[in-house]
Amino acid sequence: MSNLQLNLTQTFCGFSCRKIRASSNGIPFSKPKSGGLVILDIPLEKIRRPLMRTRENDQEKVKDLMESIREIGLQEPIDVLEVEGIYYGFSGCHRFEAHQRLGLPTIRCKIRRGTKETLRHHMR
């Protein structure tokens, strides 16, 4: 399995991009177009988790992810919605908790920009 690499030199909302690797069977990364998908490492404390009280994470799954992340790193970024400079996470709950419990300061995110209306839709 080959690895794809992308080196983004752009800065997005004050966060610097860095080299990203993905397996050849994953989503192919390309240079983001205006308003397109961007992948960055974002500090955990900058991500709001508005739905985290609606369900419990499977702690066995979190432990397995912690072990995997320790050994090989995060393989799939979490999805984040950026609305007016604020990041909202609606998926990747187990990966997010695994990063928290490992004491990691950042997590790799697929960032999509949205409007307040998009945010309201996700909150329903």
PDB file of N, CA and C in Angstrom:
ATOM      1  N   MET A   1       0.851  -1.169   0.000  1.00  0.00           N
ATOM      2  CA  MET A   1       0.000   0.000   0.000  1.00  0.00           C
ATOM      3  C   MET A   1       0.898   1.234   0.000  1.00  0.00           C
ATOM      4  N   SER A   2       0.706   2.100  -0.953  1.00  0.00           N
ATOM      5  CA  SER A   2       1.552   3.286  -1.031  1.00  0.00           C
ATOM      6  C   SER A   2       0.974   4.405  -0.182  1.00  0.00           C
ATOM      7  N   ASN A   3       1.819   5.366   0.136  1.00  0.00           N
ATOM      8  CA  ASN A   3       1.383   6.526   0.898  1.00  0.00           C
ATOM      9  C   ASN A   3       1.355   7.743   0.010  1.00  0.00           C
ATOM     10  N   LEU A   4       0.327   8.545   0.158  1.00  0.00           N
ATOM     11  CA  LEU A   4       0.229   9.823  -0.538  1.00  0.00           C
ATOM     12  C   LEU A   4       0.677  10.900   0.426  1.00  0.00           C
ATOM     13  N   GLN A   5       1.316  11.923  -0.080  1.00  0.00           N
ATOM     14  CA  GLN A   5       1.723  13.019   0.775  1.00  0.00           C
ATOM     15  C   GLN A   5       1.303  14.328   0.147  1.00  0.00           C
ATOM     16  N   LEU A   6       0.917  15.249   0.990  1.00  0.00           N
ATOM     17  CA  LEU A   6       0.535  16.581   0.560  1.00  0.00           C
ATOM     18  C   LEU A   6       1.197  17.557   1.493  1.00  0.00           C
ATOM     19  N   ASN A   7       1.859  18.531   0.954  1.00  0.00           N
ATOM     20  CA  ASN A   7       2.498  19.534   1.770  1.00  0.00           C
ATOM     21  C   ASN A   7       1.808  20.859   1.508  1.00  0.00           C
ATOM     22  N   LEU A   8       0.943  21.274   2.433  1.00  0.00           N
ATOM     23  CA  LEU A   8       0.236  22.535   2.309  1.00  0.00           C
ATOM     24  C   LEU A   8       1.056  23.629   2.974  1.00  0.00           C
ATOM     25  N   THR A   9       1.198  24.742   2.295  1.00  0.00           N
ATOM     26  CA  THR A   9       1.975  25.832   2.860  1.00  0.00           C
ATOM     27  C   THR A   9       1.084  26.975   3.307  1.00  0.00           C
ATOM     28  N   GLN A  10      -0.203  26.782   3.228  1.00  0.00           N
ATOM     29  CA  GLN A  10      -1.182  27.796   3.541  1.00  0.00           C
ATOM     30  C   GLN A  10      -1.442  27.834   5.051  1.00  0.00           C
ATOM     31  N   THR A  11      -1.851  28.981   5.553  1.00  0.00           N
ATOM     32  CA  THR A  11      -2.294  29.102   6.931  1.00  0.00           C
ATOM     33  C   THR A  11      -3.796  29.305   6.921  1.00  0.00           C
ATOM     34  N   PHE A  12      -4.498  28.624   7.840  1.00  0.00           N
ATOM     35  CA  PHE A  12      -5.947  28.652   7.885  1.00  0.00           C
ATOM     36  C   PHE A  12      -6.369  29.022   9.295  1.00  0.00           C
ATOM     37  N   CYS A  13      -7.014  30.160   9.443  1.00  0.00           N
ATOM     38  CA  CYS A  13      -7.509  30.627  10.744  1.00  0.00           C
ATOM     39  C   CYS A  13      -6.414  30.587  11.810  1.00  0.00           C
ATOM     40  N   GLY A  14      -5.193  30.925  11.434  1.00  0.00           N
ATOM     41  CA  GLY A  14      -4.095  30.985  12.388  1.00  0.00           C
ATOM     42  C   GLY A  14      -3.399  29.663  12.660  1.00  0.00           C
ATOM     43  N   PHE A  15      -3.855  28.548  12.056  1.00  0.00           N
ATOM     44  CA  PHE A  15      -3.211  27.265  12.245  1.00  0.00           C
ATOM     45  C   PHE A  15      -2.408  26.934  11.003  1.00  0.00           C
ATOM     46  N   SER A  16      -1.171  26.508  11.183  1.00  0.00           N
ATOM     47  CA  SER A  16      -0.337  26.161  10.046  1.00  0.00           C
ATOM     48  C   SER A  16      -0.632  24.750   9.584  1.00  0.00           C
ATOM     49  N   CYS A  17      -0.609  24.575   8.281  1.00  0.00           N
ATOM     50  CA  CYS A  17      -0.784  23.243   7.711  1.00  0.00           C
ATOM     51  C   CYS A  17       0.545  22.521   7.767  1.00  0.00           C
ATOM     52  N   ARG A  18       0.497  21.198   7.717  1.00  0.00           N
ATOM     53  CA  ARG A  18       1.719  20.411   7.713  1.00  0.00           C
ATOM     54  C   ARG A  18       1.549  19.237   6.769  1.00  0.00           C
ATOM     55  N   LYS A  19       2.628  18.492   6.561  1.00  0.00           N
ATOM     56  CA  LYS A  19       2.591  17.345   5.672  1.00  0.00           C
ATOM     57  C   LYS A  19       1.597  16.319   6.196  1.00  0.00           C
ATOM     58  N   ILE A  20       0.797  15.774   5.297  1.00  0.00           N
ATOM     59  CA  ILE A  20      -0.245  14.823   5.664  1.00  0.00           C
ATOM     60  C   ILE A  20      -0.026  13.552   4.876  1.00  0.00           C
ATOM     61  N   ARG A  21      -0.179  12.412   5.530  1.00  0.00           N
ATOM     62  CA  ARG A  21      -0.049  11.126   4.864  1.00  0.00           C
ATOM     63  C   ARG A  21      -1.374  10.399   4.922  1.00  0.00           C
ATOM     64  N   ALA A  22      -1.663   9.669   3.877  1.00  0.00           N
ATOM     65  CA  ALA A  22      -2.878   8.849   3.859  1.00  0.00           C
ATOM     66  C   ALA A  22      -2.610   7.618   3.017  1.00  0.00           C
ATOM     67  N   SER A  23      -3.245   6.509   3.379  1.00  0.00           N
ATOM     68  CA  SER A  23      -3.075   5.303   2.580  1.00  0.00           C
ATOM     69  C   SER A  23      -3.742   5.501   1.229  1.00  0.00           C
ATOM     70  N   SER A  24      -3.273   4.761   0.251  1.00  0.00           N
ATOM     71  CA  SER A  24      -3.781   4.933  -1.102  1.00  0.00           C
ATOM     72  C   SER A  24      -5.242   4.508  -1.243  1.00  0.00           C
ATOM     73  N   ASN A  25      -5.768   3.767  -0.254  1.00  0.00           N
ATOM     74  CA  ASN A  25      -7.181   3.396  -0.331  1.00  0.00           C
ATOM     75  C   ASN A  25      -8.068   4.376   0.420  1.00  0.00           C
ATOM     76  N   GLY A  26      -7.484   5.439   0.965  1.00  0.00           N
ATOM     77  CA  GLY A  26      -8.261   6.449   1.671  1.00  0.00           C
ATOM     78  C   GLY A  26      -8.708   7.541   0.727  1.00  0.00           C
ATOM     79  N   ILE A  27      -9.221   8.603   1.286  1.00  0.00           N
ATOM     80  CA  ILE A  27      -9.660   9.742   0.491  1.00  0.00           C
ATOM     81  C   ILE A  27      -8.428  10.422  -0.081  1.00  0.00           C
ATOM     82  N   PRO A  28      -8.358  10.621  -1.396  1.00  0.00           N
ATOM     83  CA  PRO A  28      -7.192  11.305  -1.947  1.00  0.00           C
ATOM     84  C   PRO A  28      -7.204  12.768  -1.535  1.00  0.00           C
ATOM     85  N   PHE A  29      -6.073  13.245  -1.044  1.00  0.00           N
ATOM     86  CA  PHE A  29      -5.968  14.629  -0.639  1.00  0.00           C
ATOM     87  C   PHE A  29      -5.507  15.464  -1.816  1.00  0.00           C
ATOM     88  N   SER A  30      -6.081  16.613  -1.960  1.00  0.00           N
ATOM     89  CA  SER A  30      -5.661  17.540  -2.996  1.00  0.00           C
ATOM     90  C   SER A  30      -5.580  18.923  -2.386  1.00  0.00           C
ATOM     91  N   LYS A  31      -4.905  19.813  -3.067  1.00  0.00           N
ATOM     92  CA  LYS A  31      -4.791  21.174  -2.565  1.00  0.00           C
ATOM     93  C   LYS A  31      -6.191  21.781  -2.495  1.00  0.00           C
ATOM     94  N   PRO A  32      -6.570  22.340  -1.331  1.00  0.00           N
ATOM     95  CA  PRO A  32      -7.930  22.844  -1.188  1.00  0.00           C
ATOM     96  C   PRO A  32      -8.217  24.017  -2.104  1.00  0.00           C
ATOM     97  N   LYS A  33      -9.424  24.019  -2.653  1.00  0.00           N
ATOM     98  CA  LYS A  33      -9.892  25.153  -3.436  1.00  0.00           C
ATOM     99  C   LYS A  33     -10.581  26.105  -2.481  1.00  0.00           C
ATOM    100  N   SER A  34     -10.914  27.257  -2.939  1.00  0.00           N
ATOM    101  CA  SER A  34     -11.600  28.222  -2.099  1.00  0.00           C
ATOM    102  C   SER A  34     -12.876  27.608  -1.547  1.00  0.00           C
ATOM    103  N   GLY A  35     -12.998  27.568  -0.220  1.00  0.00           N
ATOM    104  CA  GLY A  35     -14.175  27.015   0.422  1.00  0.00           C
ATOM    105  C   GLY A  35     -14.191  25.499   0.471  1.00  0.00           C
ATOM    106  N   GLY A  36     -13.142  24.832   0.007  1.00  0.00           N
ATOM    107  CA  GLY A  36     -13.113  23.376  -0.014  1.00  0.00           C
ATOM    108  C   GLY A  36     -12.623  22.785   1.290  1.00  0.00           C
ATOM    109  N   LEU A  37     -12.426  21.492   1.282  1.00  0.00           N
ATOM    110  CA  LEU A  37     -11.979  20.735   2.432  1.00  0.00           C
ATOM    111  C   LEU A  37     -10.532  21.075   2.764  1.00  0.00           C
ATOM    112  N   VAL A  38     -10.267  21.288   4.055  1.00  0.00           N
ATOM    113  CA  VAL A  38      -8.914  21.545   4.543  1.00  0.00           C
ATOM    114  C   VAL A  38      -8.650  20.568   5.670  1.00  0.00           C
ATOM    115  N   ILE A  39      -7.436  20.035   5.758  1.00  0.00           N
ATOM    116  CA  ILE A  39      -7.073  19.117   6.837  1.00  0.00           C
ATOM    117  C   ILE A  39      -5.959  19.759   7.648  1.00  0.00           C
ATOM    118  N   LEU A  40      -6.223  19.924   8.951  1.00  0.00           N
ATOM    119  CA  LEU A  40      -5.281  20.569   9.871  1.00  0.00           C
ATOM    120  C   LEU A  40      -5.274  19.859  11.210  1.00  0.00           C
ATOM    121  N   ASP A  41      -4.202  20.058  11.969  1.00  0.00           N
ATOM    122  CA  ASP A  41      -4.176  19.660  13.371  1.00  0.00           C
ATOM    123  C   ASP A  41      -4.666  20.851  14.176  1.00  0.00           C
ATOM    124  N   ILE A  42      -5.710  20.646  14.969  1.00  0.00           N
ATOM    125  CA  ILE A  42      -6.316  21.716  15.754  1.00  0.00           C
ATOM    126  C   ILE A  42      -6.205  21.364  17.227  1.00  0.00           C
ATOM    127  N   PRO A  43      -5.890  22.345  18.087  1.00  0.00           N
ATOM    128  CA  PRO A  43      -5.863  22.078  19.530  1.00  0.00           C
ATOM    129  C   PRO A  43      -7.231  21.579  20.005  1.00  0.00           C
ATOM    130  N   LEU A  44      -7.222  20.555  20.859  1.00  0.00           N
ATOM    131  CA  LEU A  44      -8.463  19.968  21.353  1.00  0.00           C
ATOM    132  C   LEU A  44      -9.366  21.003  22.015  1.00  0.00           C
ATOM    133  N   GLU A  45      -8.766  21.934  22.739  1.00  0.00           N
ATOM    134  CA  GLU A  45      -9.594  22.912  23.461  1.00  0.00           C
ATOM    135  C   GLU A  45     -10.279  23.909  22.538  1.00  0.00           C
ATOM    136  N   LYS A  46      -9.903  23.947  21.266  1.00  0.00           N
ATOM    137  CA  LYS A  46     -10.532  24.849  20.299  1.00  0.00           C
ATOM    138  C   LYS A  46     -11.757  24.227  19.628  1.00  0.00           C
ATOM    139  N   ILE A  47     -12.035  22.955  19.924  1.00  0.00           N
ATOM    140  CA  ILE A  47     -13.147  22.254  19.278  1.00  0.00           C
ATOM    141  C   ILE A  47     -14.299  22.115  20.264  1.00  0.00           C
ATOM    142  N   ARG A  48     -15.439  22.645  19.891  1.00  0.00           N
ATOM    143  CA  ARG A  48     -16.655  22.502  20.706  1.00  0.00           C
ATOM    144  C   ARG A  48     -17.350  21.211  20.322  1.00  0.00           C
ATOM    145  N   ARG A  49     -17.836  20.503  21.319  1.00  0.00           N
ATOM    146  CA  ARG A  49     -18.534  19.225  21.101  1.00  0.00           C
ATOM    147  C   ARG A  49     -19.976  19.373  21.586  1.00  0.00           C
ATOM    148  N   PRO A  50     -20.843  20.024  20.810  1.00  0.00           N
ATOM    149  CA  PRO A  50     -22.186  20.352  21.290  1.00  0.00           C
ATOM    150  C   PRO A  50     -23.097  19.160  21.571  1.00  0.00           C
ATOM    151  N   LEU A  51     -22.808  18.011  21.008  1.00  0.00           N
ATOM    152  CA  LEU A  51     -23.682  16.850  21.210  1.00  0.00           C
ATOM    153  C   LEU A  51     -23.083  15.813  22.151  1.00  0.00           C
ATOM    154  N   MET A  52     -21.990  16.138  22.839  1.00  0.00           N
ATOM    155  CA  MET A  52     -21.303  15.115  23.627  1.00  0.00           C
ATOM    156  C   MET A  52     -22.124  14.601  24.802  1.00  0.00           C
ATOM    157  N   ARG A  53     -23.127  15.341  25.235  1.00  0.00           N
ATOM    158  CA  ARG A  53     -23.954  14.876  26.353  1.00  0.00           C
ATOM    159  C   ARG A  53     -25.120  13.994  25.900  1.00  0.00           C
ATOM    160  N   THR A  54     -25.257  13.810  24.606  1.00  0.00           N
ATOM    161  CA  THR A  54     -26.402  13.049  24.101  1.00  0.00           C
ATOM    162  C   THR A  54     -26.160  11.544  24.080  1.00  0.00           C
ATOM    163  N   ARG A  55     -24.896  11.114  24.204  1.00  0.00           N
ATOM    164  CA  ARG A  55     -24.618   9.678  24.208  1.00  0.00           C
ATOM    165  C   ARG A  55     -23.296   9.388  24.909  1.00  0.00           C
ATOM    166  N   GLU A  56     -23.155   8.163  25.349  1.00  0.00           N
ATOM    167  CA  GLU A  56     -21.932   7.704  25.997  1.00  0.00           C
ATOM    168  C   GLU A  56     -21.025   7.043  24.962  1.00  0.00           C
ATOM    169  N   ASN A  57     -19.729   7.276  25.076  1.00  0.00           N
ATOM    170  CA  ASN A  57     -18.785   6.568  24.221  1.00  0.00           C
ATOM    171  C   ASN A  57     -18.569   5.161  24.750  1.00  0.00           C
ATOM    172  N   ASP A  58     -18.306   4.234  23.845  1.00  0.00           N
ATOM    173  CA  ASP A  58     -17.952   2.865  24.198  1.00  0.00           C
ATOM    174  C   ASP A  58     -16.506   2.897  24.700  1.00  0.00           C
ATOM    175  N   GLN A  59     -16.328   2.683  26.013  1.00  0.00           N
ATOM    176  CA  GLN A  59     -15.002   2.823  26.612  1.00  0.00           C
ATOM    177  C   GLN A  59     -14.006   1.779  26.115  1.00  0.00           C
ATOM    178  N   GLU A  60     -14.489   0.617  25.727  1.00  0.00           N
ATOM    179  CA  GLU A  60     -13.594  -0.399  25.154  1.00  0.00           C
ATOM    180  C   GLU A  60     -13.046   0.082  23.805  1.00  0.00           C
ATOM    181  N   LYS A  61     -13.910   0.702  23.016  1.00  0.00           N
ATOM    182  CA  LYS A  61     -13.489   1.254  21.730  1.00  0.00           C
ATOM    183  C   LYS A  61     -12.482   2.388  21.930  1.00  0.00           C
ATOM    184  N   VAL A  62     -12.711   3.228  22.928  1.00  0.00           N
ATOM    185  CA  VAL A  62     -11.775   4.319  23.227  1.00  0.00           C
ATOM    186  C   VAL A  62     -10.408   3.749  23.610  1.00  0.00           C
ATOM    187  N   LYS A  63     -10.393   2.701  24.454  1.00  0.00           N
ATOM    188  CA  LYS A  63      -9.118   2.078  24.865  1.00  0.00           C
ATOM    189  C   LYS A  63      -8.383   1.495  23.658  1.00  0.00           C
ATOM    190  N   ASP A  64      -9.139   0.822  22.768  1.00  0.00           N
ATOM    191  CA  ASP A  64      -8.519   0.258  21.560  1.00  0.00           C
ATOM    192  C   ASP A  64      -7.933   1.363  20.684  1.00  0.00           C
ATOM    193  N   LEU A  65      -8.676   2.458  20.547  1.00  0.00           N
ATOM    194  CA  LEU A  65      -8.178   3.594  19.760  1.00  0.00           C
ATOM    195  C   LEU A  65      -6.944   4.219  20.401  1.00  0.00           C
ATOM    196  N   MET A  66      -6.935   4.318  21.716  1.00  0.00           N
ATOM    197  CA  MET A  66      -5.769   4.873  22.403  1.00  0.00           C
ATOM    198  C   MET A  66      -4.519   4.052  22.087  1.00  0.00           C
ATOM    199  N   GLU A  67      -4.661   2.742  22.136  1.00  0.00           N
ATOM    200  CA  GLU A  67      -3.536   1.861  21.831  1.00  0.00           C
ATOM    201  C   GLU A  67      -3.081   2.040  20.384  1.00  0.00           C
ATOM    202  N   SER A  68      -4.042   2.090  19.469  1.00  0.00           N
ATOM    203  CA  SER A  68      -3.725   2.260  18.058  1.00  0.00           C
ATOM    204  C   SER A  68      -3.053   3.614  17.793  1.00  0.00           C
ATOM    205  N   ILE A  69      -3.590   4.669  18.377  1.00  0.00           N
ATOM    206  CA  ILE A  69      -3.023   6.011  18.173  1.00  0.00           C
ATOM    207  C   ILE A  69      -1.615   6.077  18.740  1.00  0.00           C
ATOM    208  N   ARG A  70      -1.392   5.435  19.898  1.00  0.00           N
ATOM    209  CA  ARG A  70      -0.039   5.387  20.491  1.00  0.00           C
ATOM    210  C   ARG A  70       0.941   4.694  19.550  1.00  0.00           C
ATOM    211  N   GLU A  71       0.489   3.606  18.917  1.00  0.00           N
ATOM    212  CA  GLU A  71       1.372   2.799  18.073  1.00  0.00           C
ATOM    213  C   GLU A  71       1.578   3.384  16.683  1.00  0.00           C
ATOM    214  N   ILE A  72       0.482   3.791  16.021  1.00  0.00           N
ATOM    215  CA  ILE A  72       0.622   4.194  14.609  1.00  0.00           C
ATOM    216  C   ILE A  72       0.063   5.578  14.303  1.00  0.00           C
ATOM    217  N   GLY A  73      -0.493   6.242  15.303  1.00  0.00           N
ATOM    218  CA  GLY A  73      -1.042   7.571  15.068  1.00  0.00           C
ATOM    219  C   GLY A  73      -2.483   7.513  14.586  1.00  0.00           C
ATOM    220  N   LEU A  74      -3.097   8.652  14.499  1.00  0.00           N
ATOM    221  CA  LEU A  74      -4.487   8.754  14.045  1.00  0.00           C
ATOM    222  C   LEU A  74      -4.523   8.493  12.543  1.00  0.00           C
ATOM    223  N   GLN A  75      -5.349   7.548  12.132  1.00  0.00           N
ATOM    224  CA  GLN A  75      -5.417   7.168  10.721  1.00  0.00           C
ATOM    225  C   GLN A  75      -6.498   7.914   9.945  1.00  0.00           C
ATOM    226  N   GLU A  76      -7.541   8.363  10.633  1.00  0.00           N
ATOM    227  CA  GLU A  76      -8.644   9.046   9.955  1.00  0.00           C
ATOM    228  C   GLU A  76      -8.983  10.314  10.736  1.00  0.00           C
ATOM    229  N   PRO A  77      -8.827  11.477  10.103  1.00  0.00           N
ATOM    230  CA  PRO A  77      -9.152  12.730  10.802  1.00  0.00           C
ATOM    231  C   PRO A  77     -10.624  12.786  11.198  1.00  0.00           C
ATOM    232  N   ILE A  78     -10.920  13.552  12.246  1.00  0.00           N
ATOM    233  CA  ILE A  78     -12.319  13.769  12.611  1.00  0.00           C
ATOM    234  C   ILE A  78     -12.878  14.876  11.722  1.00  0.00           C
ATOM    235  N   ASP A  79     -14.188  14.921  11.596  1.00  0.00           N
ATOM    236  CA  ASP A  79     -14.853  15.955  10.808  1.00  0.00           C
ATOM    237  C   ASP A  79     -15.216  17.119  11.712  1.00  0.00           C
ATOM    238  N   VAL A  80     -14.882  18.323  11.270  1.00  0.00           N
ATOM    239  CA  VAL A  80     -15.153  19.532  12.038  1.00  0.00           C
ATOM    240  C   VAL A  80     -15.822  20.550  11.127  1.00  0.00           C
ATOM    241  N   LEU A  81     -16.825  21.225  11.654  1.00  0.00           N
ATOM    242  CA  LEU A  81     -17.498  22.305  10.950  1.00  0.00           C
ATOM    243  C   LEU A  81     -16.994  23.620  11.521  1.00  0.00           C
ATOM    244  N   GLU A  82     -16.489  24.497  10.665  1.00  0.00           N
ATOM    245  CA  GLU A  82     -16.008  25.811  11.103  1.00  0.00           C
ATOM    246  C   GLU A  82     -17.061  26.846  10.728  1.00  0.00           C
ATOM    247  N   VAL A  83     -17.587  27.528  11.744  1.00  0.00           N
ATOM    248  CA  VAL A  83     -18.583  28.573  11.546  1.00  0.00           C
ATOM    249  C   VAL A  83     -18.068  29.833  12.225  1.00  0.00           C
ATOM    250  N   GLU A  84     -17.787  30.840  11.426  1.00  0.00           N
ATOM    251  CA  GLU A  84     -17.306  32.134  11.920  1.00  0.00           C
ATOM    252  C   GLU A  84     -16.118  31.987  12.878  1.00  0.00           C
ATOM    253  N   GLY A  85     -15.167  31.131  12.495  1.00  0.00           N
ATOM    254  CA  GLY A  85     -13.936  30.971  13.257  1.00  0.00           C
ATOM    255  C   GLY A  85     -14.026  30.042  14.454  1.00  0.00           C
ATOM    256  N   ILE A  86     -15.173  29.421  14.680  1.00  0.00           N
ATOM    257  CA  ILE A  86     -15.349  28.482  15.791  1.00  0.00           C
ATOM    258  C   ILE A  86     -15.512  27.085  15.213  1.00  0.00           C
ATOM    259  N   TYR A  87     -14.821  26.110  15.811  1.00  0.00           N
ATOM    260  CA  TYR A  87     -14.841  24.733  15.321  1.00  0.00           C
ATOM    261  C   TYR A  87     -15.826  23.898  16.128  1.00  0.00           C
ATOM    262  N   TYR A  88     -16.688  23.160  15.413  1.00  0.00           N
ATOM    263  CA  TYR A  88     -17.676  22.287  16.035  1.00  0.00           C
ATOM    264  C   TYR A  88     -17.445  20.869  15.552  1.00  0.00           C
ATOM    265  N   GLY A  89     -17.315  19.934  16.486  1.00  0.00           N
ATOM    266  CA  GLY A  89     -17.123  18.532  16.146  1.00  0.00           C
ATOM    267  C   GLY A  89     -18.391  17.745  16.354  1.00  0.00           C
ATOM    268  N   PHE A  90     -18.857  17.075  15.303  1.00  0.00           N
ATOM    269  CA  PHE A  90     -20.068  16.276  15.383  1.00  0.00           C
ATOM    270  C   PHE A  90     -19.804  14.797  15.143  1.00  0.00           C
ATOM    271  N   SER A  91     -18.610  14.446  14.729  1.00  0.00           N
ATOM    272  CA  SER A  91     -18.261  13.042  14.522  1.00  0.00           C
ATOM    273  C   SER A  91     -16.861  12.820  15.092  1.00  0.00           C
ATOM    274  N   GLY A  92     -16.470  11.565  15.192  1.00  0.00           N
ATOM    275  CA  GLY A  92     -15.143  11.265  15.725  1.00  0.00           C
ATOM    276  C   GLY A  92     -15.081  11.327  17.238  1.00  0.00           C
ATOM    277  N   CYS A  93     -16.206  11.055  17.903  1.00  0.00           N
ATOM    278  CA  CYS A  93     -16.268  11.165  19.368  1.00  0.00           C
ATOM    279  C   CYS A  93     -15.259  10.253  20.066  1.00  0.00           C
ATOM    280  N   HIS A  94     -15.147   9.017  19.601  1.00  0.00           N
ATOM    281  CA  HIS A  94     -14.217   8.076  20.225  1.00  0.00           C
ATOM    282  C   HIS A  94     -12.760   8.496  19.992  1.00  0.00           C
ATOM    283  N   ARG A  95     -12.461   8.949  18.770  1.00  0.00           N
ATOM    284  CA  ARG A  95     -11.095   9.412  18.468  1.00  0.00           C
ATOM    285  C   ARG A  95     -10.758  10.652  19.286  1.00  0.00           C
ATOM    286  N   PHE A  96     -11.724  11.559  19.421  1.00  0.00           N
ATOM    287  CA  PHE A  96     -11.519  12.776  20.204  1.00  0.00           C
ATOM    288  C   PHE A  96     -11.228  12.426  21.670  1.00  0.00           C
ATOM    289  N   GLU A  97     -12.045  11.542  22.258  1.00  0.00           N
ATOM    290  CA  GLU A  97     -11.815  11.151  23.657  1.00  0.00           C
ATOM    291  C   GLU A  97     -10.481  10.426  23.820  1.00  0.00           C
ATOM    292  N   ALA A  98     -10.111   9.589  22.859  1.00  0.00           N
ATOM    293  CA  ALA A  98      -8.826   8.891  22.934  1.00  0.00           C
ATOM    294  C   ALA A  98      -7.679   9.899  22.970  1.00  0.00           C
ATOM    295  N   HIS A  99      -7.752  10.942  22.162  1.00  0.00           N
ATOM    296  CA  HIS A  99      -6.720  11.985  22.171  1.00  0.00           C
ATOM    297  C   HIS A  99      -6.682  12.703  23.520  1.00  0.00           C
ATOM    298  N   GLN A 100      -7.862  13.005  24.060  1.00  0.00           N
ATOM    299  CA  GLN A 100      -7.928  13.658  25.369  1.00  0.00           C
ATOM    300  C   GLN A 100      -7.268  12.800  26.433  1.00  0.00           C
ATOM    301  N   ARG A 101      -7.634  11.518  26.483  1.00  0.00           N
ATOM    302  CA  ARG A 101      -7.112  10.630  27.522  1.00  0.00           C
ATOM    303  C   ARG A 101      -5.622  10.360  27.365  1.00  0.00           C
ATOM    304  N   LEU A 102      -5.120  10.447  26.134  1.00  0.00           N
ATOM    305  CA  LEU A 102      -3.677  10.295  25.908  1.00  0.00           C
ATOM    306  C   LEU A 102      -2.907  11.578  26.237  1.00  0.00           C
ATOM    307  N   GLY A 103      -3.635  12.656  26.469  1.00  0.00           N
ATOM    308  CA  GLY A 103      -2.985  13.934  26.775  1.00  0.00           C
ATOM    309  C   GLY A 103      -2.388  14.611  25.555  1.00  0.00           C
ATOM    310  N   LEU A 104      -2.895  14.279  24.365  1.00  0.00           N
ATOM    311  CA  LEU A 104      -2.381  14.891  23.139  1.00  0.00           C
ATOM    312  C   LEU A 104      -2.990  16.287  22.983  1.00  0.00           C
ATOM    313  N   PRO A 105      -2.192  17.266  22.601  1.00  0.00           N
ATOM    314  CA  PRO A 105      -2.696  18.642  22.538  1.00  0.00           C
ATOM    315  C   PRO A 105      -3.546  18.950  21.306  1.00  0.00           C
ATOM    316  N   THR A 106      -3.341  18.201  20.215  1.00  0.00           N
ATOM    317  CA  THR A 106      -4.053  18.489  18.969  1.00  0.00           C
ATOM    318  C   THR A 106      -4.627  17.210  18.384  1.00  0.00           C
ATOM    319  N   ILE A 107      -5.544  17.390  17.415  1.00  0.00           N
ATOM    320  CA  ILE A 107      -6.109  16.264  16.680  1.00  0.00           C
ATOM    321  C   ILE A 107      -6.263  16.680  15.221  1.00  0.00           C
ATOM    322  N   ARG A 108      -5.989  15.755  14.323  1.00  0.00           N
ATOM    323  CA  ARG A 108      -6.121  16.025  12.891  1.00  0.00           C
ATOM    324  C   ARG A 108      -7.594  16.094  12.533  1.00  0.00           C
ATOM    325  N   CYS A 109      -7.985  17.144  11.794  1.00  0.00           N
ATOM    326  CA  CYS A 109      -9.390  17.399  11.466  1.00  0.00           C
ATOM    327  C   CYS A 109      -9.577  17.683   9.986  1.00  0.00           C
ATOM    328  N   LYS A 110     -10.676  17.164   9.442  1.00  0.00           N
ATOM    329  CA  LYS A 110     -11.160  17.583   8.127  1.00  0.00           C
ATOM    330  C   LYS A 110     -12.105  18.741   8.406  1.00  0.00           C
ATOM    331  N   ILE A 111     -11.761  19.906   7.910  1.00  0.00           N
ATOM    332  CA  ILE A 111     -12.533  21.104   8.216  1.00  0.00           C
ATOM    333  C   ILE A 111     -13.374  21.507   7.013  1.00  0.00           C
ATOM    334  N   ARG A 112     -14.646  21.688   7.278  1.00  0.00           N
ATOM    335  CA  ARG A 112     -15.563  22.225   6.268  1.00  0.00           C
ATOM    336  C   ARG A 112     -16.133  23.509   6.832  1.00  0.00           C
ATOM    337  N   ARG A 113     -16.189  24.531   6.024  1.00  0.00           N
ATOM    338  CA  ARG A 113     -16.786  25.791   6.460  1.00  0.00           C
ATOM    339  C   ARG A 113     -18.283  25.725   6.268  1.00  0.00           C
ATOM    340  N   GLY A 114     -18.994  26.349   7.192  1.00  0.00           N
ATOM    341  CA  GLY A 114     -20.442  26.367   7.102  1.00  0.00           C
ATOM    342  C   GLY A 114     -21.006  27.664   7.649  1.00  0.00           C
ATOM    343  N   THR A 115     -22.294  27.795   7.507  1.00  0.00           N
ATOM    344  CA  THR A 115     -23.009  28.973   7.995  1.00  0.00           C
ATOM    345  C   THR A 115     -23.686  28.632   9.315  1.00  0.00           C
ATOM    346  N   LYS A 116     -24.263  29.644   9.952  1.00  0.00           N
ATOM    347  CA  LYS A 116     -25.019  29.394  11.178  1.00  0.00           C
ATOM    348  C   LYS A 116     -26.201  28.471  10.904  1.00  0.00           C
ATOM    349  N   GLU A 117     -26.771  28.583   9.721  1.00  0.00           N
ATOM    350  CA  GLU A 117     -27.882  27.699   9.346  1.00  0.00           C
ATOM    351  C   GLU A 117     -27.409  26.242   9.257  1.00  0.00           C
ATOM    352  N   THR A 118     -26.229  26.027   8.703  1.00  0.00           N
ATOM    353  CA  THR A 118     -25.657  24.677   8.642  1.00  0.00           C
ATOM    354  C   THR A 118     -25.474  24.139  10.054  1.00  0.00           C
ATOM    355  N   LEU A 119     -24.968  24.958  10.956  1.00  0.00           N
ATOM    356  CA  LEU A 119     -24.779  24.571  12.357  1.00  0.00           C
ATOM    357  C   LEU A 119     -26.118  24.199  12.994  1.00  0.00           C
ATOM    358  N   ARG A 120     -27.131  25.018  12.778  1.00  0.00           N
ATOM    359  CA  ARG A 120     -28.465  24.721  13.335  1.00  0.00           C
ATOM    360  C   ARG A 120     -28.973  23.364  12.822  1.00  0.00           C
ATOM    361  N   HIS A 121     -28.730  23.094  11.559  1.00  0.00           N
ATOM    362  CA  HIS A 121     -29.144  21.814  10.973  1.00  0.00           C
ATOM    363  C   HIS A 121     -28.457  20.647  11.692  1.00  0.00           C
ATOM    364  N   HIS A 122     -27.168  20.764  11.988  1.00  0.00           N
ATOM    365  CA  HIS A 122     -26.424  19.699  12.667  1.00  0.00           C
ATOM    366  C   HIS A 122     -26.869  19.537  14.126  1.00  0.00           C
ATOM    367  N   MET A 123     -27.380  20.605  14.710  1.00  0.00           N
ATOM    368  CA  MET A 123     -27.790  20.559  16.121  1.00  0.00           C
ATOM    369  C   MET A 123     -29.150  19.873  16.310  1.00  0.00           C
ATOM    370  N   ARG A 124     -29.912  19.702  15.243  1.00  0.00           N
ATOM    371  CA  ARG A 124     -31.242  19.069  15.350  1.00  0.00           C
ATOM    372  C   ARG A 124     -31.150  17.601  15.639  1.00  0.00           C
TER     373      ARG A 124
END
